[in-house]
Amino acid sequence: MSVGLVSASKKSVNYVLSKENGGSAAVVVIGGAEESLDAHPGNLTLHILKRKGFIKIAMKRGAHLVPIFSFGENELYQQVSNPKGSWLREIQERMQKIMGFAMPLFHARGVFQYNFGVVPYRMPIHTVVGRPIPVTQVSNPTEEDIEALHKRYLSALQELFEENKEKYGIPEHKSLIFT
């Protein structure tokens, strides 16, 4: 927290965005614990369709939204197979509900060997930043307002991904999957 990090709670994000002179940015990793259980190499699934709290806060504060995507994140670790409906996934989801965070079973390489360990594989991560989406401040946004801005954000994120995927090794036939 001494370097400016805060929790992703509504209260914390509102605090960061309430500075009188502006100049603060709130960076929120939207997918969270649920998405971490699907972070397998080659997977492009984002758990974002039901995540609209960040949209509502942006509208209440008049904070612009900036779509960002990092290519290569899911290639840093191998995760034990845990498809939805499997016994492992059921246990992981129950533990997530109890503890508030997910426990993916992952491995990568060791410090002095490349066979097994928790040090990430040596893979590049390329983070691309899209054009800001201007947001007009609305003290009490309606569900329709929130839904419209959310769709606009998803569209901008998809466009950012499509514009950059070939540069970073994603086959042309692959696309982001929003759940």
N, C-alpha and C. Protein backbone atom coordinates (compact mmCIF):
# COMPACT_ATOMS: atom_id res chain seq x y z
N MET A 1 0.81 -1.19 0.00
CA MET A 1 0.00 0.00 0.00
C MET A 1 0.86 1.27 0.00
N SER A 2 2.10 1.14 0.47
CA SER A 2 2.96 2.32 0.50
C SER A 2 3.36 2.78 -0.90
N VAL A 3 3.19 1.93 -1.90
CA VAL A 3 3.51 2.32 -3.27
C VAL A 3 2.26 2.65 -4.08
N GLY A 4 1.12 2.81 -3.40
CA GLY A 4 -0.10 3.23 -4.06
C GLY A 4 -1.08 2.12 -4.40
N LEU A 5 -0.76 0.88 -4.04
CA LEU A 5 -1.68 -0.22 -4.31
C LEU A 5 -2.82 -0.22 -3.30
N VAL A 6 -4.02 -0.50 -3.78
CA VAL A 6 -5.18 -0.62 -2.90
C VAL A 6 -5.98 -1.84 -3.35
N SER A 7 -6.92 -2.24 -2.54
CA SER A 7 -7.76 -3.37 -2.92
C SER A 7 -8.67 -2.96 -4.07
N ALA A 8 -9.28 -3.94 -4.72
CA ALA A 8 -10.19 -3.66 -5.84
C ALA A 8 -11.62 -3.48 -5.36
N SER A 9 -11.79 -3.14 -4.10
CA SER A 9 -13.13 -2.94 -3.56
C SER A 9 -13.73 -1.65 -4.11
N LYS A 10 -15.03 -1.58 -4.08
CA LYS A 10 -15.75 -0.39 -4.55
C LYS A 10 -15.27 0.85 -3.79
N LYS A 11 -15.13 0.72 -2.49
CA LYS A 11 -14.71 1.85 -1.65
C LYS A 11 -13.31 2.34 -2.05
N SER A 12 -12.38 1.41 -2.27
CA SER A 12 -11.01 1.79 -2.63
C SER A 12 -10.94 2.46 -3.99
N VAL A 13 -11.63 1.89 -4.98
CA VAL A 13 -11.60 2.47 -6.33
C VAL A 13 -12.24 3.86 -6.32
N ASN A 14 -13.34 4.01 -5.59
CA ASN A 14 -13.97 5.33 -5.47
C ASN A 14 -13.01 6.34 -4.83
N TYR A 15 -12.28 5.91 -3.82
CA TYR A 15 -11.31 6.79 -3.16
C TYR A 15 -10.24 7.25 -4.14
N VAL A 16 -9.68 6.31 -4.91
CA VAL A 16 -8.63 6.65 -5.87
C VAL A 16 -9.14 7.65 -6.90
N LEU A 17 -10.37 7.46 -7.35
CA LEU A 17 -10.93 8.33 -8.40
C LEU A 17 -11.54 9.62 -7.88
N SER A 18 -11.54 9.82 -6.57
CA SER A 18 -12.18 11.02 -6.00
C SER A 18 -11.21 12.17 -5.74
N LYS A 19 -9.98 12.04 -6.13
CA LYS A 19 -8.99 13.10 -5.91
C LYS A 19 -9.44 14.38 -6.61
N GLU A 20 -9.40 15.48 -5.91
CA GLU A 20 -9.85 16.78 -6.42
C GLU A 20 -9.20 17.16 -7.75
N ASN A 21 -7.88 17.04 -7.82
CA ASN A 21 -7.15 17.49 -9.01
C ASN A 21 -6.97 16.39 -10.05
N GLY A 22 -7.57 15.24 -9.84
CA GLY A 22 -7.43 14.14 -10.79
C GLY A 22 -6.02 13.58 -10.76
N GLY A 23 -5.59 13.04 -11.87
CA GLY A 23 -4.23 12.52 -11.97
C GLY A 23 -4.06 11.12 -11.44
N SER A 24 -5.11 10.49 -10.97
CA SER A 24 -5.01 9.13 -10.46
C SER A 24 -5.71 8.18 -11.41
N ALA A 25 -5.18 6.99 -11.49
CA ALA A 25 -5.79 5.96 -12.34
C ALA A 25 -6.04 4.72 -11.49
N ALA A 26 -7.17 4.12 -11.70
CA ALA A 26 -7.49 2.86 -11.04
C ALA A 26 -7.38 1.76 -12.09
N VAL A 27 -6.48 0.82 -11.87
CA VAL A 27 -6.31 -0.30 -12.79
C VAL A 27 -6.91 -1.51 -12.11
N VAL A 28 -7.96 -2.07 -12.73
CA VAL A 28 -8.68 -3.18 -12.13
C VAL A 28 -8.55 -4.39 -13.04
N VAL A 29 -8.09 -5.52 -12.46
CA VAL A 29 -8.05 -6.79 -13.18
C VAL A 29 -9.43 -7.40 -13.01
N ILE A 30 -10.22 -7.36 -14.06
CA ILE A 30 -11.65 -7.63 -13.96
C ILE A 30 -11.98 -9.10 -13.73
N GLY A 31 -11.29 -10.02 -14.37
CA GLY A 31 -11.65 -11.44 -14.30
C GLY A 31 -11.52 -12.07 -12.93
N GLY A 32 -10.53 -11.66 -12.19
CA GLY A 32 -10.35 -12.11 -10.82
C GLY A 32 -10.17 -13.60 -10.63
N ALA A 33 -10.61 -14.07 -9.46
CA ALA A 33 -10.41 -15.45 -9.05
C ALA A 33 -11.05 -16.44 -10.01
N GLU A 34 -12.24 -16.14 -10.44
CA GLU A 34 -12.95 -17.05 -11.34
C GLU A 34 -12.16 -17.28 -12.63
N GLU A 35 -11.59 -16.23 -13.17
CA GLU A 35 -10.85 -16.32 -14.42
C GLU A 35 -9.54 -17.09 -14.24
N SER A 36 -8.94 -17.01 -13.07
CA SER A 36 -7.66 -17.70 -12.84
C SER A 36 -7.78 -19.21 -13.00
N LEU A 37 -8.95 -19.75 -12.74
CA LEU A 37 -9.15 -21.19 -12.89
C LEU A 37 -9.20 -21.61 -14.36
N ASP A 38 -9.36 -20.67 -15.26
CA ASP A 38 -9.38 -20.97 -16.70
C ASP A 38 -8.11 -20.50 -17.40
N ALA A 39 -7.10 -20.12 -16.65
CA ALA A 39 -5.87 -19.56 -17.22
C ALA A 39 -4.93 -20.68 -17.69
N HIS A 40 -5.32 -21.33 -18.76
CA HIS A 40 -4.51 -22.39 -19.36
C HIS A 40 -3.85 -21.83 -20.62
N PRO A 41 -2.66 -22.32 -20.98
CA PRO A 41 -2.02 -21.86 -22.22
C PRO A 41 -2.97 -21.99 -23.42
N GLY A 42 -3.03 -20.95 -24.22
CA GLY A 42 -3.88 -20.94 -25.40
C GLY A 42 -5.32 -20.54 -25.14
N ASN A 43 -5.72 -20.43 -23.87
CA ASN A 43 -7.10 -20.08 -23.55
C ASN A 43 -7.27 -18.56 -23.62
N LEU A 44 -8.34 -18.13 -24.24
CA LEU A 44 -8.61 -16.69 -24.39
C LEU A 44 -9.98 -16.34 -23.84
N THR A 45 -10.35 -16.94 -22.72
CA THR A 45 -11.66 -16.71 -22.10
C THR A 45 -11.54 -15.64 -21.03
N LEU A 46 -12.39 -14.62 -21.13
CA LEU A 46 -12.43 -13.55 -20.14
C LEU A 46 -13.79 -13.58 -19.44
N HIS A 47 -13.78 -13.62 -18.13
CA HIS A 47 -15.01 -13.60 -17.33
C HIS A 47 -15.38 -12.14 -17.08
N ILE A 48 -16.16 -11.59 -17.98
CA ILE A 48 -16.41 -10.15 -17.94
C ILE A 48 -17.87 -9.77 -18.17
N LEU A 49 -18.68 -10.68 -18.67
CA LEU A 49 -20.06 -10.33 -19.02
C LEU A 49 -20.90 -9.89 -17.82
N LYS A 50 -20.65 -10.46 -16.65
CA LYS A 50 -21.41 -10.10 -15.46
C LYS A 50 -20.70 -9.03 -14.63
N ARG A 51 -19.51 -8.63 -15.04
CA ARG A 51 -18.72 -7.66 -14.29
C ARG A 51 -19.01 -6.26 -14.80
N LYS A 52 -19.87 -5.56 -14.08
CA LYS A 52 -20.26 -4.22 -14.53
C LYS A 52 -20.05 -3.15 -13.45
N GLY A 53 -19.55 -3.55 -12.30
CA GLY A 53 -19.32 -2.59 -11.22
C GLY A 53 -18.32 -1.52 -11.61
N PHE A 54 -17.27 -1.91 -12.34
CA PHE A 54 -16.27 -0.93 -12.76
C PHE A 54 -16.88 0.09 -13.74
N ILE A 55 -17.86 -0.34 -14.51
CA ILE A 55 -18.55 0.56 -15.45
C ILE A 55 -19.35 1.59 -14.66
N LYS A 56 -20.08 1.12 -13.66
CA LYS A 56 -20.91 2.01 -12.84
C LYS A 56 -20.05 3.05 -12.11
N ILE A 57 -18.94 2.62 -11.55
CA ILE A 57 -18.04 3.55 -10.85
C ILE A 57 -17.48 4.57 -11.83
N ALA A 58 -17.07 4.11 -13.02
CA ALA A 58 -16.52 5.03 -14.02
C ALA A 58 -17.56 6.09 -14.39
N MET A 59 -18.82 5.67 -14.52
CA MET A 59 -19.87 6.63 -14.86
C MET A 59 -20.12 7.61 -13.72
N LYS A 60 -20.14 7.12 -12.49
CA LYS A 60 -20.37 8.01 -11.35
C LYS A 60 -19.24 9.01 -11.17
N ARG A 61 -18.03 8.63 -11.53
CA ARG A 61 -16.86 9.50 -11.36
C ARG A 61 -16.47 10.23 -12.63
N GLY A 62 -17.04 9.84 -13.77
CA GLY A 62 -16.64 10.46 -15.04
C GLY A 62 -15.24 10.05 -15.45
N ALA A 63 -14.82 8.87 -15.04
CA ALA A 63 -13.48 8.37 -15.35
C ALA A 63 -13.49 7.63 -16.68
N HIS A 64 -12.58 7.98 -17.55
CA HIS A 64 -12.48 7.31 -18.84
C HIS A 64 -12.11 5.84 -18.64
N LEU A 65 -12.57 5.00 -19.53
CA LEU A 65 -12.22 3.58 -19.53
C LEU A 65 -11.17 3.35 -20.61
N VAL A 66 -10.16 2.56 -20.29
CA VAL A 66 -9.10 2.27 -21.26
C VAL A 66 -8.97 0.76 -21.39
N PRO A 67 -9.33 0.20 -22.55
CA PRO A 67 -9.17 -1.24 -22.73
C PRO A 67 -7.69 -1.61 -22.82
N ILE A 68 -7.33 -2.67 -22.12
CA ILE A 68 -5.95 -3.15 -22.10
C ILE A 68 -5.98 -4.66 -22.20
N PHE A 69 -5.07 -5.24 -22.97
CA PHE A 69 -4.97 -6.69 -23.05
C PHE A 69 -3.50 -7.08 -23.04
N SER A 70 -3.18 -8.12 -22.27
CA SER A 70 -1.81 -8.63 -22.20
C SER A 70 -1.74 -9.98 -22.91
N PHE A 71 -1.00 -10.02 -23.99
CA PHE A 71 -0.79 -11.26 -24.73
C PHE A 71 0.32 -12.05 -24.05
N GLY A 72 0.09 -13.33 -23.82
CA GLY A 72 1.12 -14.20 -23.27
C GLY A 72 1.00 -14.52 -21.80
N GLU A 73 0.08 -13.91 -21.08
CA GLU A 73 -0.05 -14.17 -19.64
C GLU A 73 -0.33 -15.63 -19.33
N ASN A 74 -1.22 -16.24 -20.08
CA ASN A 74 -1.61 -17.63 -19.80
C ASN A 74 -0.54 -18.63 -20.18
N GLU A 75 0.52 -18.19 -20.84
CA GLU A 75 1.60 -19.10 -21.23
C GLU A 75 2.70 -19.19 -20.17
N LEU A 76 2.62 -18.43 -19.11
CA LEU A 76 3.67 -18.42 -18.08
C LEU A 76 3.68 -19.67 -17.21
N TYR A 77 2.52 -20.30 -17.05
CA TYR A 77 2.38 -21.47 -16.19
C TYR A 77 1.52 -22.53 -16.87
N GLN A 78 1.76 -23.77 -16.50
CA GLN A 78 0.87 -24.87 -16.87
C GLN A 78 -0.05 -25.09 -15.68
N GLN A 79 -1.32 -25.34 -15.96
CA GLN A 79 -2.27 -25.59 -14.87
C GLN A 79 -2.82 -27.00 -15.04
N VAL A 80 -3.00 -27.67 -13.91
CA VAL A 80 -3.58 -29.01 -13.94
C VAL A 80 -4.96 -28.91 -14.57
N SER A 81 -5.29 -29.86 -15.43
CA SER A 81 -6.57 -29.85 -16.13
C SER A 81 -7.72 -29.83 -15.12
N ASN A 82 -8.60 -28.85 -15.27
CA ASN A 82 -9.74 -28.68 -14.35
C ASN A 82 -10.98 -28.20 -15.09
N PRO A 83 -11.45 -28.98 -16.08
CA PRO A 83 -12.62 -28.51 -16.83
C PRO A 83 -13.84 -28.37 -15.93
N LYS A 84 -14.75 -27.47 -16.33
CA LYS A 84 -15.98 -27.27 -15.55
C LYS A 84 -16.70 -28.61 -15.42
N GLY A 85 -17.16 -28.88 -14.20
CA GLY A 85 -17.84 -30.15 -13.92
C GLY A 85 -16.94 -31.23 -13.38
N SER A 86 -15.62 -31.04 -13.46
CA SER A 86 -14.69 -32.05 -12.93
C SER A 86 -14.64 -31.96 -11.41
N TRP A 87 -14.20 -33.02 -10.77
CA TRP A 87 -14.13 -33.03 -9.30
C TRP A 87 -13.16 -31.97 -8.81
N LEU A 88 -12.04 -31.77 -9.52
CA LEU A 88 -11.06 -30.76 -9.10
C LEU A 88 -11.67 -29.36 -9.18
N ARG A 89 -12.38 -29.07 -10.27
CA ARG A 89 -12.99 -27.75 -10.43
C ARG A 89 -14.03 -27.51 -9.35
N GLU A 90 -14.82 -28.53 -9.02
CA GLU A 90 -15.83 -28.40 -7.96
C GLU A 90 -15.16 -28.02 -6.64
N ILE A 91 -14.07 -28.69 -6.31
CA ILE A 91 -13.34 -28.40 -5.07
C ILE A 91 -12.78 -26.97 -5.12
N GLN A 92 -12.18 -26.60 -6.24
CA GLN A 92 -11.61 -25.26 -6.38
C GLN A 92 -12.69 -24.18 -6.22
N GLU A 93 -13.85 -24.41 -6.82
CA GLU A 93 -14.93 -23.41 -6.72
C GLU A 93 -15.49 -23.33 -5.31
N ARG A 94 -15.60 -24.45 -4.63
CA ARG A 94 -16.05 -24.43 -3.22
C ARG A 94 -15.06 -23.69 -2.35
N MET A 95 -13.78 -23.99 -2.54
CA MET A 95 -12.74 -23.30 -1.75
C MET A 95 -12.74 -21.80 -2.05
N GLN A 96 -12.98 -21.45 -3.29
CA GLN A 96 -13.04 -20.03 -3.67
C GLN A 96 -14.17 -19.33 -2.92
N LYS A 97 -15.32 -19.96 -2.83
CA LYS A 97 -16.45 -19.37 -2.11
C LYS A 97 -16.15 -19.20 -0.63
N ILE A 98 -15.45 -20.16 -0.05
CA ILE A 98 -15.13 -20.12 1.38
C ILE A 98 -14.05 -19.09 1.67
N MET A 99 -12.96 -19.11 0.88
CA MET A 99 -11.79 -18.28 1.17
C MET A 99 -11.80 -16.93 0.47
N GLY A 100 -12.57 -16.80 -0.61
CA GLY A 100 -12.61 -15.54 -1.33
C GLY A 100 -11.57 -15.43 -2.43
N PHE A 101 -10.74 -16.44 -2.61
CA PHE A 101 -9.77 -16.45 -3.71
C PHE A 101 -9.64 -17.86 -4.24
N ALA A 102 -9.22 -17.97 -5.49
CA ALA A 102 -9.12 -19.28 -6.14
C ALA A 102 -7.76 -19.92 -5.85
N MET A 103 -7.73 -21.23 -5.97
CA MET A 103 -6.48 -21.97 -5.76
C MET A 103 -6.19 -22.84 -6.98
N PRO A 104 -5.73 -22.22 -8.09
CA PRO A 104 -5.37 -23.04 -9.25
C PRO A 104 -4.13 -23.88 -8.93
N LEU A 105 -4.09 -25.09 -9.45
CA LEU A 105 -2.92 -25.96 -9.28
C LEU A 105 -2.04 -25.77 -10.51
N PHE A 106 -0.92 -25.10 -10.33
CA PHE A 106 -0.09 -24.76 -11.47
C PHE A 106 1.36 -25.14 -11.20
N HIS A 107 2.13 -25.19 -12.28
CA HIS A 107 3.56 -25.43 -12.18
C HIS A 107 4.22 -24.79 -13.39
N ALA A 108 5.53 -24.61 -13.28
CA ALA A 108 6.30 -24.08 -14.40
C ALA A 108 7.70 -24.68 -14.33
N ARG A 109 8.70 -23.87 -14.05
CA ARG A 109 10.08 -24.35 -14.02
C ARG A 109 10.70 -24.04 -12.67
N GLY A 110 11.86 -24.61 -12.45
CA GLY A 110 12.60 -24.32 -11.23
C GLY A 110 13.62 -23.22 -11.47
N VAL A 111 14.35 -22.87 -10.42
CA VAL A 111 15.36 -21.82 -10.53
C VAL A 111 16.54 -22.28 -11.37
N PHE A 112 17.01 -23.52 -11.14
CA PHE A 112 18.20 -24.02 -11.83
C PHE A 112 17.90 -25.12 -12.85
N GLN A 113 16.66 -25.46 -13.03
CA GLN A 113 16.28 -26.47 -14.02
C GLN A 113 14.94 -26.07 -14.63
N TYR A 114 14.61 -26.66 -15.78
CA TYR A 114 13.44 -26.22 -16.52
C TYR A 114 12.29 -27.23 -16.46
N ASN A 115 12.41 -28.25 -15.63
CA ASN A 115 11.43 -29.33 -15.62
C ASN A 115 10.22 -29.08 -14.72
N PHE A 116 10.43 -28.55 -13.53
CA PHE A 116 9.32 -28.40 -12.60
C PHE A 116 9.66 -27.35 -11.54
N GLY A 117 8.68 -26.55 -11.18
CA GLY A 117 8.85 -25.55 -10.15
C GLY A 117 7.75 -24.50 -10.23
N VAL A 118 7.93 -23.41 -9.52
CA VAL A 118 6.93 -22.35 -9.51
C VAL A 118 7.42 -21.04 -10.14
N VAL A 119 8.63 -21.05 -10.68
CA VAL A 119 9.14 -19.89 -11.39
C VAL A 119 8.49 -19.90 -12.78
N PRO A 120 7.95 -18.77 -13.25
CA PRO A 120 7.27 -18.76 -14.55
C PRO A 120 8.22 -19.14 -15.70
N TYR A 121 7.65 -19.75 -16.73
CA TYR A 121 8.42 -20.02 -17.93
C TYR A 121 8.89 -18.70 -18.53
N ARG A 122 10.00 -18.76 -19.27
CA ARG A 122 10.52 -17.55 -19.92
C ARG A 122 9.73 -17.28 -21.19
N MET A 123 8.69 -16.51 -21.04
CA MET A 123 7.81 -16.18 -22.16
C MET A 123 7.55 -14.67 -22.12
N PRO A 124 7.52 -14.04 -23.27
CA PRO A 124 7.23 -12.60 -23.27
C PRO A 124 5.76 -12.31 -23.00
N ILE A 125 5.51 -11.21 -22.35
CA ILE A 125 4.16 -10.70 -22.17
C ILE A 125 4.12 -9.34 -22.85
N HIS A 126 3.18 -9.20 -23.76
CA HIS A 126 3.04 -7.94 -24.49
C HIS A 126 1.70 -7.31 -24.10
N THR A 127 1.77 -6.17 -23.43
CA THR A 127 0.57 -5.47 -23.00
C THR A 127 0.27 -4.35 -23.98
N VAL A 128 -0.92 -4.39 -24.55
CA VAL A 128 -1.33 -3.35 -25.50
C VAL A 128 -2.43 -2.51 -24.86
N VAL A 129 -2.36 -1.23 -25.10
CA VAL A 129 -3.30 -0.28 -24.50
C VAL A 129 -4.12 0.35 -25.61
N GLY A 130 -5.42 0.30 -25.46
CA GLY A 130 -6.33 0.84 -26.47
C GLY A 130 -6.60 2.32 -26.27
N ARG A 131 -7.42 2.84 -27.14
CA ARG A 131 -7.82 4.25 -27.05
C ARG A 131 -8.80 4.43 -25.89
N PRO A 132 -8.63 5.50 -25.12
CA PRO A 132 -9.56 5.75 -24.01
C PRO A 132 -10.99 5.93 -24.50
N ILE A 133 -11.92 5.45 -23.72
CA ILE A 133 -13.34 5.64 -24.00
C ILE A 133 -13.81 6.75 -23.07
N PRO A 134 -14.13 7.93 -23.62
CA PRO A 134 -14.59 9.03 -22.76
C PRO A 134 -15.91 8.64 -22.07
N VAL A 135 -15.99 8.98 -20.79
CA VAL A 135 -17.19 8.66 -20.00
C VAL A 135 -17.70 9.96 -19.39
N THR A 136 -18.96 10.25 -19.66
CA THR A 136 -19.60 11.42 -19.08
C THR A 136 -20.07 11.08 -17.67
N GLN A 137 -19.79 11.99 -16.74
CA GLN A 137 -20.19 11.74 -15.36
C GLN A 137 -21.70 11.77 -15.21
N VAL A 138 -22.24 10.72 -14.59
CA VAL A 138 -23.68 10.59 -14.33
C VAL A 138 -23.82 10.13 -12.89
N SER A 139 -24.44 10.95 -12.03
CA SER A 139 -24.51 10.60 -10.60
C SER A 139 -25.34 9.35 -10.33
N ASN A 140 -26.38 9.11 -11.09
CA ASN A 140 -27.21 7.91 -10.92
C ASN A 140 -27.45 7.24 -12.27
N PRO A 141 -26.46 6.49 -12.77
CA PRO A 141 -26.65 5.86 -14.08
C PRO A 141 -27.73 4.78 -14.03
N THR A 142 -28.48 4.68 -15.11
CA THR A 142 -29.51 3.65 -15.19
C THR A 142 -28.87 2.33 -15.65
N GLU A 143 -29.61 1.25 -15.51
CA GLU A 143 -29.11 -0.06 -15.98
C GLU A 143 -28.84 -0.01 -17.48
N GLU A 144 -29.67 0.71 -18.21
CA GLU A 144 -29.48 0.83 -19.66
C GLU A 144 -28.20 1.58 -19.98
N ASP A 145 -27.91 2.65 -19.21
CA ASP A 145 -26.66 3.40 -19.40
C ASP A 145 -25.46 2.51 -19.15
N ILE A 146 -25.52 1.76 -18.06
CA ILE A 146 -24.41 0.87 -17.68
C ILE A 146 -24.22 -0.20 -18.75
N GLU A 147 -25.31 -0.79 -19.18
CA GLU A 147 -25.25 -1.85 -20.20
C GLU A 147 -24.68 -1.32 -21.51
N ALA A 148 -25.08 -0.13 -21.92
CA ALA A 148 -24.59 0.45 -23.18
C ALA A 148 -23.09 0.71 -23.11
N LEU A 149 -22.61 1.26 -22.00
CA LEU A 149 -21.17 1.52 -21.86
C LEU A 149 -20.39 0.21 -21.75
N HIS A 150 -20.96 -0.77 -21.07
CA HIS A 150 -20.31 -2.08 -20.96
C HIS A 150 -20.12 -2.70 -22.34
N LYS A 151 -21.16 -2.64 -23.18
CA LYS A 151 -21.07 -3.18 -24.54
C LYS A 151 -20.01 -2.43 -25.34
N ARG A 152 -19.96 -1.12 -25.14
CA ARG A 152 -18.96 -0.31 -25.85
C ARG A 152 -17.54 -0.70 -25.42
N TYR A 153 -17.37 -0.94 -24.12
CA TYR A 153 -16.07 -1.36 -23.60
C TYR A 153 -15.68 -2.73 -24.17
N LEU A 154 -16.61 -3.69 -24.16
CA LEU A 154 -16.33 -5.02 -24.70
C LEU A 154 -15.97 -4.95 -26.18
N SER A 155 -16.67 -4.12 -26.91
CA SER A 155 -16.39 -3.94 -28.34
C SER A 155 -14.98 -3.38 -28.54
N ALA A 156 -14.60 -2.40 -27.74
CA ALA A 156 -13.26 -1.80 -27.84
C ALA A 156 -12.18 -2.81 -27.46
N LEU A 157 -12.45 -3.63 -26.46
CA LEU A 157 -11.49 -4.65 -26.04
C LEU A 157 -11.32 -5.69 -27.14
N GLN A 158 -12.43 -6.13 -27.75
CA GLN A 158 -12.38 -7.11 -28.85
C GLN A 158 -11.61 -6.53 -30.03
N GLU A 159 -11.88 -5.27 -30.34
CA GLU A 159 -11.19 -4.60 -31.46
C GLU A 159 -9.69 -4.51 -31.19
N LEU A 160 -9.31 -4.15 -29.97
CA LEU A 160 -7.89 -4.08 -29.59
C LEU A 160 -7.22 -5.43 -29.77
N PHE A 161 -7.89 -6.48 -29.32
CA PHE A 161 -7.35 -7.83 -29.46
C PHE A 161 -7.18 -8.20 -30.93
N GLU A 162 -8.21 -7.98 -31.72
CA GLU A 162 -8.18 -8.35 -33.15
C GLU A 162 -7.09 -7.58 -33.90
N GLU A 163 -6.89 -6.31 -33.56
CA GLU A 163 -5.87 -5.48 -34.23
C GLU A 163 -4.45 -5.97 -33.93
N ASN A 164 -4.26 -6.63 -32.80
CA ASN A 164 -2.91 -6.96 -32.35
C ASN A 164 -2.58 -8.45 -32.29
N LYS A 165 -3.55 -9.32 -32.43
CA LYS A 165 -3.31 -10.74 -32.17
C LYS A 165 -2.24 -11.36 -33.07
N GLU A 166 -2.21 -11.01 -34.34
CA GLU A 166 -1.22 -11.62 -35.23
C GLU A 166 0.20 -11.20 -34.87
N LYS A 167 0.37 -9.96 -34.39
CA LYS A 167 1.69 -9.49 -33.99
C LYS A 167 2.27 -10.32 -32.86
N TYR A 168 1.39 -10.89 -32.03
CA TYR A 168 1.84 -11.58 -30.83
C TYR A 168 1.54 -13.08 -30.84
N GLY A 169 1.45 -13.64 -32.06
CA GLY A 169 1.42 -15.08 -32.21
C GLY A 169 0.08 -15.77 -32.01
N ILE A 170 -1.01 -15.03 -32.03
CA ILE A 170 -2.33 -15.65 -31.90
C ILE A 170 -2.82 -15.96 -33.32
N PRO A 171 -3.20 -17.21 -33.59
CA PRO A 171 -3.69 -17.55 -34.94
C PRO A 171 -4.90 -16.72 -35.34
N GLU A 172 -5.03 -16.49 -36.63
CA GLU A 172 -6.09 -15.64 -37.16
C GLU A 172 -7.50 -16.15 -36.79
N HIS A 173 -7.68 -17.46 -36.68
CA HIS A 173 -9.01 -18.02 -36.40
C HIS A 173 -9.42 -17.91 -34.92
N LYS A 174 -8.49 -17.53 -34.03
CA LYS A 174 -8.81 -17.43 -32.60
C LYS A 174 -9.36 -16.06 -32.26
N SER A 175 -10.30 -16.04 -31.31
CA SER A 175 -10.88 -14.78 -30.84
C SER A 175 -11.06 -14.84 -29.33
N LEU A 176 -11.27 -13.67 -28.74
CA LEU A 176 -11.58 -13.62 -27.32
C LEU A 176 -12.95 -14.23 -27.08
N ILE A 177 -13.10 -14.89 -25.96
CA ILE A 177 -14.38 -15.46 -25.57
C ILE A 177 -14.81 -14.75 -24.29
N PHE A 178 -15.93 -14.07 -24.34
CA PHE A 178 -16.46 -13.38 -23.17
C PHE A 178 -17.51 -14.27 -22.51
N THR A 179 -17.34 -14.54 -21.21
CA THR A 179 -18.33 -15.30 -20.46
C THR A 179 -18.79 -14.51 -19.27
